[in-house]
């Protein structure tokens, strides 16, 4: 399944709302909103995911253009962990949303 990194607010009193996330996506030139993602696996099969609150970050990693998917679920924004460079982007997002970045084991970055 893989390790995920999450953007969330501390405590349960003031969770990130879907509307805040969608507004953030609109104002971040590096993110593209989508409601459907398809990934071709090495064996040729296509894995699809759809729903509200998905965003794609196209960036360069080790000389190649890659896409990282951010998904809103359960009052937080999550992405599969790839490398520490993405934590920098997630911290920038978290800062704008008055939130923090944590891993699956609740360690704060």
Foldseek 3Di string as FASTA:
>chain_A
DAKKKKWFAPDDPDFADLVNLVVVQVVDPQKDFDQKDWDQDPVRDIDMGGDGAKIWGWDDDPRRTDIWIWHDDPRMIMTGDDDCVVVVVVQVVNVVVVTFMAIPVRDTD
